[in-house]
Every structure is written in C-alpha cells, then in structure tokens.
C-alpha cells in the first residue's frame, strides 16, 4: 500500500495536480510470485493516474515516478522493473539521468 501512496504523491507533485486519491488494486499476480509484482503495482498506479488526470507527462517521466514506488520496497528506484509494465514489448534503458527508455515491439512466430 505504501508504494502506491508514494507514487500517487509523486505524480501529483510533478504534475501540480491537487486531489485526494483513494487507490484499490487488483492485479492478479500472487504476492511474491511472477516477474515484478511490486513493479506492476506501481506501474498500474501511475498509468491510472495519468489516464484519470489526462496529464501531459511523457513515458520517461511516468517511469521515473513509478520507480519512486520501487524505492520504498528496495531502497533504490528501479526504472527497469517498472518500464516493461508501462511500455510493454522489449524495453531498452538508453540513459538514466535523464531517463530515456524505448520500447521495441516483439512479434512471436508460431507454428
């Protein structure tokens, strides 16, 4: 719960929005299972706020904001953990300060 609160506060601060936000999450990933369970939580929080507030924040800043939630869990922001949940595809972290990430679509051939 603390990670979502941190992300919501960071989003509101960076976008200069003023609001009371109440968050409820269901992600379908069992606690402690799956790749990036905590990253998925903060990613869905920041993307949800982005959509609700129709903010003009770019994807790199969304990743930075979400990484602050990961900082609560591990003591260090992990943009690599949240970027895949936000962007999808194969994500390349090209630069850290300022953050620059790009997503490359993945196509899988079957058969």
N, C-alpha and C. Protein backbone atom coordinates (compact mmCIF):
# COMPACT_ATOMS: atom_id res chain seq x y z
N UNK A 1 0.82 -1.19 0.00
CA UNK A 1 0.00 0.00 0.00
C UNK A 1 0.87 1.26 0.00
N UNK A 2 1.96 1.23 0.74
CA UNK A 2 2.82 2.40 0.84
C UNK A 2 3.40 2.80 -0.51
N UNK A 3 3.73 1.82 -1.36
CA UNK A 3 4.30 2.13 -2.67
C UNK A 3 3.32 2.92 -3.53
N UNK A 4 2.04 2.51 -3.51
CA UNK A 4 1.03 3.21 -4.29
C UNK A 4 0.86 4.63 -3.79
N UNK A 5 0.85 4.82 -2.47
CA UNK A 5 0.72 6.17 -1.91
C UNK A 5 1.90 7.05 -2.33
N UNK A 6 3.09 6.49 -2.28
CA UNK A 6 4.29 7.23 -2.68
C UNK A 6 4.19 7.65 -4.14
N UNK A 7 3.77 6.74 -4.99
CA UNK A 7 3.65 7.01 -6.41
C UNK A 7 2.57 8.07 -6.66
N UNK A 8 1.44 7.96 -5.99
CA UNK A 8 0.36 8.94 -6.17
C UNK A 8 0.83 10.33 -5.74
N UNK A 9 1.50 10.42 -4.61
CA UNK A 9 2.01 11.72 -4.14
C UNK A 9 3.04 12.29 -5.11
N UNK A 10 3.92 11.45 -5.61
CA UNK A 10 4.95 11.90 -6.56
C UNK A 10 4.31 12.37 -7.87
N UNK A 11 3.32 11.64 -8.35
CA UNK A 11 2.62 12.03 -9.57
C UNK A 11 1.95 13.40 -9.40
N UNK A 12 1.22 13.55 -8.30
CA UNK A 12 0.51 14.81 -8.06
C UNK A 12 1.50 15.97 -7.92
N UNK A 13 2.62 15.73 -7.26
CA UNK A 13 3.64 16.77 -7.09
C UNK A 13 4.22 17.19 -8.44
N UNK A 14 4.61 16.22 -9.25
CA UNK A 14 5.26 16.53 -10.53
C UNK A 14 4.31 17.13 -11.56
N UNK A 15 3.03 16.85 -11.43
CA UNK A 15 2.06 17.39 -12.39
C UNK A 15 1.31 18.60 -11.83
N UNK A 16 1.64 19.01 -10.61
CA UNK A 16 0.99 20.15 -9.94
C UNK A 16 -0.52 19.99 -9.83
N UNK A 17 -0.96 18.74 -9.70
CA UNK A 17 -2.38 18.46 -9.51
C UNK A 17 -2.68 18.43 -8.02
N UNK A 18 -3.88 18.83 -7.67
CA UNK A 18 -4.31 18.76 -6.28
C UNK A 18 -5.55 17.87 -6.24
N UNK A 19 -5.47 16.80 -5.47
CA UNK A 19 -6.58 15.87 -5.40
C UNK A 19 -6.41 14.95 -4.21
N UNK A 20 -7.52 14.42 -3.73
CA UNK A 20 -7.49 13.34 -2.77
C UNK A 20 -7.64 12.07 -3.59
N UNK A 21 -6.72 11.16 -3.44
CA UNK A 21 -6.74 9.94 -4.24
C UNK A 21 -6.88 8.73 -3.33
N UNK A 22 -7.83 7.88 -3.65
CA UNK A 22 -8.01 6.61 -2.95
C UNK A 22 -7.77 5.51 -3.98
N UNK A 23 -6.87 4.60 -3.66
CA UNK A 23 -6.47 3.57 -4.61
C UNK A 23 -6.83 2.18 -4.12
N UNK A 24 -7.28 1.37 -5.06
CA UNK A 24 -7.56 -0.04 -4.80
C UNK A 24 -6.99 -0.82 -5.97
N UNK A 25 -6.25 -1.86 -5.67
CA UNK A 25 -5.54 -2.59 -6.72
C UNK A 25 -5.95 -4.06 -6.74
N UNK A 26 -6.14 -4.56 -7.93
CA UNK A 26 -6.23 -5.99 -8.17
C UNK A 26 -5.45 -6.26 -9.42
N UNK A 27 -4.37 -7.00 -9.30
CA UNK A 27 -3.53 -7.22 -10.47
C UNK A 27 -3.47 -8.68 -10.91
N UNK A 28 -3.94 -9.59 -10.09
CA UNK A 28 -3.97 -10.98 -10.50
C UNK A 28 -2.63 -11.69 -10.41
N UNK A 29 -1.64 -11.05 -9.84
CA UNK A 29 -0.34 -11.68 -9.65
C UNK A 29 -0.22 -12.01 -8.16
N UNK A 30 -0.08 -13.28 -7.80
CA UNK A 30 0.04 -13.62 -6.38
C UNK A 30 1.25 -12.90 -5.76
N UNK A 31 1.08 -12.48 -4.50
CA UNK A 31 2.14 -11.77 -3.79
C UNK A 31 3.41 -12.61 -3.79
N UNK A 32 4.51 -11.99 -4.19
CA UNK A 32 5.80 -12.67 -4.21
C UNK A 32 6.00 -13.61 -5.38
N UNK A 33 5.08 -13.63 -6.31
CA UNK A 33 5.16 -14.52 -7.47
C UNK A 33 5.21 -13.69 -8.74
N UNK A 34 5.74 -14.26 -9.76
CA UNK A 34 5.73 -13.59 -11.05
C UNK A 34 6.79 -12.51 -11.15
N UNK A 35 7.05 -12.10 -12.36
CA UNK A 35 8.09 -11.09 -12.58
C UNK A 35 7.58 -9.70 -12.22
N UNK A 36 8.23 -9.06 -11.29
CA UNK A 36 7.95 -7.66 -10.99
C UNK A 36 6.59 -7.38 -10.40
N UNK A 37 6.18 -8.15 -9.41
CA UNK A 37 4.88 -7.93 -8.78
C UNK A 37 4.75 -6.53 -8.23
N UNK A 38 5.76 -6.05 -7.51
CA UNK A 38 5.68 -4.69 -6.95
C UNK A 38 5.77 -3.66 -8.06
N UNK A 39 6.58 -3.93 -9.08
CA UNK A 39 6.68 -3.02 -10.22
C UNK A 39 5.37 -2.89 -10.96
N UNK A 40 4.64 -3.99 -11.08
CA UNK A 40 3.34 -3.96 -11.75
C UNK A 40 2.36 -3.09 -10.96
N UNK A 41 2.43 -3.15 -9.64
CA UNK A 41 1.54 -2.36 -8.79
C UNK A 41 1.77 -0.87 -8.99
N UNK A 42 3.03 -0.44 -8.92
CA UNK A 42 3.29 0.99 -9.07
C UNK A 42 3.08 1.46 -10.51
N UNK A 43 3.33 0.58 -11.47
CA UNK A 43 3.10 0.94 -12.88
C UNK A 43 1.61 1.15 -13.13
N UNK A 44 0.77 0.27 -12.62
CA UNK A 44 -0.67 0.45 -12.84
C UNK A 44 -1.17 1.70 -12.12
N UNK A 45 -0.58 2.03 -11.00
CA UNK A 45 -0.97 3.24 -10.27
C UNK A 45 -0.65 4.49 -11.10
N UNK A 46 0.57 4.59 -11.59
CA UNK A 46 0.97 5.79 -12.32
C UNK A 46 0.23 5.90 -13.66
N UNK A 47 0.01 4.79 -14.34
CA UNK A 47 -0.71 4.84 -15.61
C UNK A 47 -2.18 5.19 -15.37
N UNK A 48 -2.75 4.67 -14.31
CA UNK A 48 -4.14 5.01 -13.96
C UNK A 48 -4.29 6.50 -13.67
N UNK A 49 -3.37 7.05 -12.89
CA UNK A 49 -3.42 8.48 -12.59
C UNK A 49 -3.22 9.32 -13.85
N UNK A 50 -2.32 8.88 -14.70
CA UNK A 50 -2.07 9.55 -15.98
C UNK A 50 -3.36 9.63 -16.80
N UNK A 51 -4.09 8.53 -16.86
CA UNK A 51 -5.33 8.50 -17.63
C UNK A 51 -6.44 9.32 -16.98
N UNK A 52 -6.55 9.25 -15.67
CA UNK A 52 -7.60 10.00 -14.97
C UNK A 52 -7.38 11.50 -15.11
N UNK A 53 -6.15 11.95 -14.93
CA UNK A 53 -5.85 13.38 -14.96
C UNK A 53 -5.51 13.90 -16.36
N UNK A 54 -5.45 13.01 -17.34
CA UNK A 54 -5.13 13.39 -18.71
C UNK A 54 -3.90 14.31 -18.74
N UNK A 55 -2.88 13.85 -18.07
CA UNK A 55 -1.65 14.62 -17.91
C UNK A 55 -0.81 14.61 -19.18
N UNK A 56 0.04 15.61 -19.33
CA UNK A 56 0.92 15.68 -20.49
C UNK A 56 2.33 15.15 -20.17
N UNK A 57 2.45 14.38 -19.11
CA UNK A 57 3.72 13.77 -18.72
C UNK A 57 4.10 12.72 -19.77
N UNK A 58 5.37 12.69 -20.17
CA UNK A 58 5.80 11.69 -21.15
C UNK A 58 6.12 10.36 -20.47
N UNK A 59 6.31 9.31 -21.28
CA UNK A 59 6.51 7.97 -20.72
C UNK A 59 7.77 7.88 -19.87
N UNK A 60 8.80 8.65 -20.17
CA UNK A 60 10.01 8.61 -19.36
C UNK A 60 9.76 9.12 -17.95
N UNK A 61 8.98 10.19 -17.84
CA UNK A 61 8.67 10.70 -16.50
C UNK A 61 7.73 9.76 -15.76
N UNK A 62 6.80 9.12 -16.46
CA UNK A 62 5.94 8.12 -15.80
C UNK A 62 6.80 7.01 -15.20
N UNK A 63 7.81 6.59 -15.93
CA UNK A 63 8.71 5.54 -15.43
C UNK A 63 9.47 6.04 -14.20
N UNK A 64 9.95 7.27 -14.25
CA UNK A 64 10.66 7.85 -13.10
C UNK A 64 9.76 7.90 -11.87
N UNK A 65 8.51 8.31 -12.07
CA UNK A 65 7.56 8.40 -10.95
C UNK A 65 7.31 7.01 -10.37
N UNK A 66 7.06 6.04 -11.23
CA UNK A 66 6.82 4.67 -10.77
C UNK A 66 8.05 4.11 -10.06
N UNK A 67 9.23 4.46 -10.52
CA UNK A 67 10.47 3.97 -9.90
C UNK A 67 10.58 4.44 -8.44
N UNK A 68 9.99 5.59 -8.13
CA UNK A 68 9.99 6.06 -6.75
C UNK A 68 9.23 5.10 -5.83
N UNK A 69 8.21 4.45 -6.37
CA UNK A 69 7.48 3.44 -5.59
C UNK A 69 8.34 2.22 -5.32
N UNK A 70 9.16 1.85 -6.27
CA UNK A 70 10.09 0.74 -6.09
C UNK A 70 11.15 1.09 -5.04
N UNK A 71 11.46 2.36 -4.93
CA UNK A 71 12.44 2.82 -3.93
C UNK A 71 11.95 2.49 -2.51
N UNK A 72 10.65 2.59 -2.30
CA UNK A 72 10.07 2.27 -0.99
C UNK A 72 10.31 0.80 -0.66
N UNK A 73 10.19 -0.06 -1.65
CA UNK A 73 10.33 -1.50 -1.44
C UNK A 73 11.78 -1.93 -1.27
N UNK A 74 12.69 -1.31 -2.05
CA UNK A 74 14.06 -1.84 -2.07
C UNK A 74 15.13 -0.84 -1.66
N UNK A 75 14.75 0.41 -1.44
CA UNK A 75 15.73 1.41 -1.05
C UNK A 75 16.37 2.13 -2.23
N UNK A 76 16.05 1.70 -3.44
CA UNK A 76 16.63 2.31 -4.64
C UNK A 76 15.58 2.29 -5.75
N UNK A 77 15.44 3.38 -6.51
CA UNK A 77 14.47 3.34 -7.61
C UNK A 77 14.93 2.39 -8.71
N UNK A 78 14.01 1.58 -9.20
CA UNK A 78 14.32 0.60 -10.24
C UNK A 78 13.47 0.87 -11.48
N UNK A 79 13.91 1.80 -12.34
CA UNK A 79 13.10 2.06 -13.53
C UNK A 79 13.03 0.86 -14.46
N UNK A 80 14.03 -0.02 -14.41
CA UNK A 80 14.00 -1.21 -15.27
C UNK A 80 12.85 -2.13 -14.90
N UNK A 81 12.49 -2.19 -13.62
CA UNK A 81 11.39 -3.06 -13.19
C UNK A 81 10.03 -2.55 -13.65
N UNK A 82 9.85 -1.25 -13.68
CA UNK A 82 8.53 -0.70 -14.00
C UNK A 82 8.36 -0.36 -15.47
N UNK A 83 9.45 -0.17 -16.17
CA UNK A 83 9.36 0.28 -17.57
C UNK A 83 8.65 -0.73 -18.46
N UNK A 84 8.90 -2.01 -18.27
CA UNK A 84 8.23 -3.02 -19.10
C UNK A 84 6.73 -3.04 -18.85
N UNK A 85 6.32 -2.84 -17.61
CA UNK A 85 4.89 -2.80 -17.31
C UNK A 85 4.22 -1.57 -17.91
N UNK A 86 4.94 -0.47 -18.00
CA UNK A 86 4.37 0.76 -18.53
C UNK A 86 4.39 0.77 -20.05
N UNK A 87 5.50 0.35 -20.65
CA UNK A 87 5.66 0.47 -22.10
C UNK A 87 5.30 -0.80 -22.87
N UNK A 88 5.52 -1.96 -22.28
CA UNK A 88 5.30 -3.22 -22.99
C UNK A 88 6.41 -3.48 -23.99
N UNK A 89 6.42 -4.66 -24.55
CA UNK A 89 7.45 -5.03 -25.53
C UNK A 89 8.80 -5.23 -24.86
N UNK A 90 9.84 -5.15 -25.65
CA UNK A 90 11.21 -5.23 -25.16
C UNK A 90 11.66 -3.81 -24.88
N UNK A 91 12.01 -3.51 -23.64
CA UNK A 91 12.34 -2.14 -23.26
C UNK A 91 13.85 -1.99 -23.11
N UNK A 92 14.38 -0.96 -23.77
CA UNK A 92 15.79 -0.63 -23.65
C UNK A 92 15.92 0.64 -22.83
N UNK A 93 16.74 0.56 -21.79
CA UNK A 93 17.04 1.74 -20.99
C UNK A 93 18.28 2.37 -21.61
N UNK A 94 18.11 3.44 -22.35
CA UNK A 94 19.20 4.06 -23.10
C UNK A 94 20.02 5.01 -22.24
N UNK A 95 19.41 5.57 -21.24
CA UNK A 95 20.07 6.58 -20.44
C UNK A 95 19.35 6.67 -19.10
N UNK A 96 20.09 6.94 -18.03
CA UNK A 96 19.47 7.01 -16.70
C UNK A 96 19.16 8.43 -16.26
N UNK A 97 20.06 9.36 -16.44
CA UNK A 97 19.84 10.74 -16.00
C UNK A 97 20.10 11.70 -17.14
N UNK A 98 19.11 12.28 -17.75
CA UNK A 98 17.69 12.00 -17.55
C UNK A 98 17.32 10.65 -18.18
N UNK A 99 16.30 10.06 -17.62
CA UNK A 99 15.90 8.74 -18.08
C UNK A 99 15.41 8.79 -19.53
N UNK A 100 15.84 7.81 -20.30
CA UNK A 100 15.36 7.67 -21.68
C UNK A 100 15.20 6.18 -21.96
N UNK A 101 13.96 5.77 -22.14
CA UNK A 101 13.64 4.37 -22.41
C UNK A 101 12.86 4.27 -23.71
N UNK A 102 13.10 3.20 -24.43
CA UNK A 102 12.33 2.96 -25.65
C UNK A 102 11.82 1.52 -25.64
N UNK A 103 10.68 1.34 -26.27
CA UNK A 103 10.06 0.02 -26.35
C UNK A 103 10.12 -0.47 -27.78
N UNK A 104 10.56 -1.69 -27.91
CA UNK A 104 10.59 -2.35 -29.22
C UNK A 104 9.54 -3.44 -29.21
N UNK A 105 8.63 -3.43 -30.17
CA UNK A 105 7.61 -4.48 -30.20
C UNK A 105 8.22 -5.84 -30.45
N UNK A 106 7.60 -6.83 -29.89
CA UNK A 106 8.07 -8.21 -30.06
C UNK A 106 6.99 -8.96 -30.83
N UNK A 107 7.38 -9.63 -31.87
CA UNK A 107 6.42 -10.48 -32.56
C UNK A 107 6.92 -11.91 -32.47
N UNK A 108 6.02 -12.78 -32.16
CA UNK A 108 6.36 -14.19 -31.97
C UNK A 108 5.74 -14.99 -33.10
N UNK A 109 6.54 -15.74 -33.80
CA UNK A 109 6.03 -16.62 -34.86
C UNK A 109 5.65 -17.95 -34.23
N UNK A 110 4.51 -18.41 -34.57
CA UNK A 110 4.05 -19.69 -34.04
C UNK A 110 3.93 -20.68 -35.18
N UNK A 111 4.17 -21.92 -34.81
CA UNK A 111 3.94 -22.96 -35.82
C UNK A 111 5.11 -23.51 -36.40
